[in-house]
Amino acid sequence: MEILRAADNGDSEESRNTLMMFGGLALMTLGAGLILTSPIVRKYLGGFDVGKLLQAAGPDFERYMKLKSM
């Protein structure tokens, strides 16, 4: 019933975009988890500080979100 009401209100496109965004985020998280559970990958990343890498990517992500909202 919710889907039918959303279609009647005209905001089904926005709902669809939100669903696609969260679906893509879930798939990326699942993929990263599968990759990081591999013993070979964990061996190569042993000397890598993932926290610093994510910290360095923060400003780029913020810039992307600003550009997307324009």
N, C-alpha and C. Protein backbone atom coordinates (compact mmCIF):
# COMPACT_ATOMS: atom_id res chain seq x y z
N MET A 1 0.81 -1.20 0.00
CA MET A 1 0.00 0.00 0.00
C MET A 1 0.85 1.26 0.00
N GLU A 2 2.00 1.21 0.69
CA GLU A 2 2.88 2.38 0.74
C GLU A 2 3.36 2.77 -0.66
N ILE A 3 3.66 1.79 -1.48
CA ILE A 3 4.16 2.06 -2.82
C ILE A 3 3.08 2.75 -3.65
N LEU A 4 1.85 2.30 -3.50
CA LEU A 4 0.76 2.92 -4.25
C LEU A 4 0.54 4.35 -3.80
N ARG A 5 0.61 4.62 -2.49
CA ARG A 5 0.43 5.99 -2.01
C ARG A 5 1.55 6.89 -2.49
N ALA A 6 2.77 6.37 -2.52
CA ALA A 6 3.91 7.17 -2.99
C ALA A 6 3.74 7.52 -4.46
N ALA A 7 3.22 6.58 -5.24
CA ALA A 7 3.02 6.83 -6.66
C ALA A 7 1.93 7.87 -6.88
N ASP A 8 0.92 7.87 -6.02
CA ASP A 8 -0.16 8.85 -6.15
C ASP A 8 0.30 10.25 -5.77
N ASN A 9 1.22 10.35 -4.82
CA ASN A 9 1.69 11.66 -4.38
C ASN A 9 2.69 12.28 -5.35
N GLY A 10 3.22 11.50 -6.25
CA GLY A 10 4.16 12.03 -7.22
C GLY A 10 5.60 12.02 -6.76
N ASP A 11 5.88 11.48 -5.58
CA ASP A 11 7.25 11.47 -5.08
C ASP A 11 7.87 10.08 -5.19
N SER A 12 7.37 9.27 -6.10
CA SER A 12 7.92 7.93 -6.26
C SER A 12 9.33 7.97 -6.82
N GLU A 13 9.65 8.98 -7.62
CA GLU A 13 11.00 9.11 -8.18
C GLU A 13 12.01 9.35 -7.06
N GLU A 14 11.65 10.19 -6.11
CA GLU A 14 12.54 10.47 -4.99
C GLU A 14 12.72 9.22 -4.12
N SER A 15 11.63 8.51 -3.89
CA SER A 15 11.71 7.28 -3.10
C SER A 15 12.57 6.24 -3.81
N ARG A 16 12.41 6.16 -5.11
CA ARG A 16 13.20 5.20 -5.89
C ARG A 16 14.68 5.54 -5.83
N ASN A 17 15.00 6.83 -5.95
CA ASN A 17 16.40 7.25 -5.88
C ASN A 17 17.01 6.94 -4.51
N THR A 18 16.24 7.18 -3.45
CA THR A 18 16.73 6.89 -2.11
C THR A 18 16.96 5.39 -1.93
N LEU A 19 16.03 4.59 -2.42
CA LEU A 19 16.18 3.14 -2.33
C LEU A 19 17.41 2.66 -3.09
N MET A 20 17.62 3.22 -4.29
CA MET A 20 18.80 2.84 -5.08
C MET A 20 20.09 3.25 -4.37
N MET A 21 20.10 4.42 -3.75
CA MET A 21 21.30 4.89 -3.06
C MET A 21 21.64 3.96 -1.89
N PHE A 22 20.66 3.61 -1.07
CA PHE A 22 20.92 2.75 0.06
C PHE A 22 21.24 1.32 -0.38
N GLY A 23 20.63 0.88 -1.46
CA GLY A 23 20.96 -0.43 -2.00
C GLY A 23 22.40 -0.48 -2.48
N GLY A 24 22.84 0.56 -3.17
CA GLY A 24 24.23 0.63 -3.63
C GLY A 24 25.20 0.69 -2.47
N LEU A 25 24.85 1.44 -1.44
CA LEU A 25 25.70 1.53 -0.25
C LEU A 25 25.82 0.17 0.43
N ALA A 26 24.71 -0.55 0.50
CA ALA A 26 24.74 -1.89 1.11
C ALA A 26 25.61 -2.84 0.29
N LEU A 27 25.52 -2.77 -1.02
CA LEU A 27 26.34 -3.63 -1.87
C LEU A 27 27.82 -3.29 -1.75
N MET A 28 28.14 -2.00 -1.65
CA MET A 28 29.54 -1.61 -1.48
C MET A 28 30.08 -2.10 -0.15
N THR A 29 29.28 -2.00 0.90
CA THR A 29 29.71 -2.47 2.22
C THR A 29 29.91 -3.97 2.22
N LEU A 30 29.00 -4.68 1.60
CA LEU A 30 29.13 -6.14 1.51
C LEU A 30 30.37 -6.51 0.71
N GLY A 31 30.60 -5.85 -0.41
CA GLY A 31 31.77 -6.14 -1.23
C GLY A 31 33.07 -5.85 -0.50
N ALA A 32 33.12 -4.73 0.20
CA ALA A 32 34.33 -4.41 0.97
C ALA A 32 34.56 -5.43 2.07
N GLY A 33 33.49 -5.86 2.70
CA GLY A 33 33.62 -6.88 3.74
C GLY A 33 34.14 -8.20 3.19
N LEU A 34 33.63 -8.59 2.04
CA LEU A 34 34.08 -9.84 1.42
C LEU A 34 35.55 -9.76 1.02
N ILE A 35 35.95 -8.60 0.50
CA ILE A 35 37.35 -8.43 0.09
C ILE A 35 38.26 -8.46 1.32
N LEU A 36 37.86 -7.76 2.37
CA LEU A 36 38.72 -7.65 3.55
C LEU A 36 38.79 -8.94 4.37
N THR A 37 37.88 -9.88 4.14
CA THR A 37 37.95 -11.15 4.86
C THR A 37 38.92 -12.12 4.21
N SER A 38 39.39 -11.80 3.03
CA SER A 38 40.34 -12.67 2.35
C SER A 38 41.70 -12.62 3.07
N PRO A 39 42.28 -13.77 3.37
CA PRO A 39 43.58 -13.77 4.07
C PRO A 39 44.69 -13.10 3.27
N ILE A 40 44.67 -13.22 1.97
CA ILE A 40 45.70 -12.61 1.14
C ILE A 40 45.62 -11.09 1.23
N VAL A 41 44.41 -10.56 1.12
CA VAL A 41 44.23 -9.11 1.21
C VAL A 41 44.62 -8.61 2.59
N ARG A 42 44.25 -9.34 3.63
CA ARG A 42 44.59 -8.92 4.98
C ARG A 42 46.11 -8.92 5.19
N LYS A 43 46.79 -9.84 4.54
CA LYS A 43 48.25 -9.89 4.64
C LYS A 43 48.86 -8.64 3.99
N TYR A 44 48.36 -8.26 2.80
CA TYR A 44 48.90 -7.09 2.12
C TYR A 44 48.56 -5.79 2.85
N LEU A 45 47.40 -5.75 3.50
CA LEU A 45 46.99 -4.54 4.21
C LEU A 45 47.51 -4.49 5.64
N GLY A 46 48.28 -5.47 6.02
CA GLY A 46 48.80 -5.53 7.39
C GLY A 46 49.61 -4.30 7.77
N GLY A 47 50.40 -3.77 6.88
CA GLY A 47 51.21 -2.59 7.16
C GLY A 47 50.52 -1.30 6.77
N PHE A 48 49.31 -1.41 6.30
CA PHE A 48 48.54 -0.25 5.82
C PHE A 48 47.65 0.27 6.95
N ASP A 49 47.66 1.56 7.20
CA ASP A 49 46.78 2.13 8.21
C ASP A 49 45.49 2.59 7.52
N VAL A 50 44.48 1.76 7.62
CA VAL A 50 43.21 2.04 6.94
C VAL A 50 42.53 3.27 7.53
N GLY A 51 42.70 3.49 8.82
CA GLY A 51 42.11 4.66 9.47
C GLY A 51 42.60 5.97 8.87
N LYS A 52 43.90 6.05 8.62
CA LYS A 52 44.46 7.27 8.01
C LYS A 52 43.98 7.43 6.57
N LEU A 53 43.83 6.32 5.88
CA LEU A 53 43.33 6.37 4.51
C LEU A 53 41.90 6.91 4.47
N LEU A 54 41.05 6.44 5.38
CA LEU A 54 39.67 6.93 5.44
C LEU A 54 39.62 8.39 5.87
N GLN A 55 40.52 8.77 6.76
CA GLN A 55 40.57 10.15 7.21
C GLN A 55 40.98 11.08 6.07
N ALA A 56 41.88 10.63 5.22
CA ALA A 56 42.31 11.43 4.08
C ALA A 56 41.21 11.54 3.02
N ALA A 57 40.33 10.55 2.95
CA ALA A 57 39.26 10.57 1.96
C ALA A 57 38.07 11.42 2.40
N GLY A 58 38.04 11.82 3.66
CA GLY A 58 36.92 12.60 4.20
C GLY A 58 36.64 13.89 3.44
N PRO A 59 37.64 14.76 3.22
CA PRO A 59 37.37 16.01 2.50
C PRO A 59 36.87 15.79 1.07
N ASP A 60 37.38 14.76 0.41
CA ASP A 60 36.91 14.47 -0.95
C ASP A 60 35.44 14.06 -0.95
N PHE A 61 35.06 13.27 0.05
CA PHE A 61 33.67 12.84 0.16
C PHE A 61 32.76 14.03 0.44
N GLU A 62 33.19 14.93 1.32
CA GLU A 62 32.40 16.12 1.62
C GLU A 62 32.24 17.00 0.38
N ARG A 63 33.30 17.15 -0.40
CA ARG A 63 33.25 17.93 -1.63
C ARG A 63 32.28 17.30 -2.63
N TYR A 64 32.29 15.97 -2.71
CA TYR A 64 31.38 15.26 -3.60
C TYR A 64 29.93 15.50 -3.19
N MET A 65 29.65 15.46 -1.89
CA MET A 65 28.28 15.66 -1.43
C MET A 65 27.81 17.08 -1.71
N LYS A 66 28.71 18.07 -1.61
CA LYS A 66 28.33 19.45 -1.92
C LYS A 66 28.01 19.59 -3.40
N LEU A 67 28.83 18.97 -4.25
CA LEU A 67 28.58 19.05 -5.69
C LEU A 67 27.29 18.33 -6.08
N LYS A 68 27.00 17.24 -5.41
CA LYS A 68 25.80 16.48 -5.71
C LYS A 68 24.55 17.26 -5.33
N SER A 69 24.62 18.04 -4.27
CA SER A 69 23.44 18.79 -3.82
C SER A 69 23.14 20.01 -4.69
N MET A 70 24.08 20.40 -5.54
CA MET A 70 23.86 21.58 -6.39
C MET A 70 22.88 21.33 -7.48
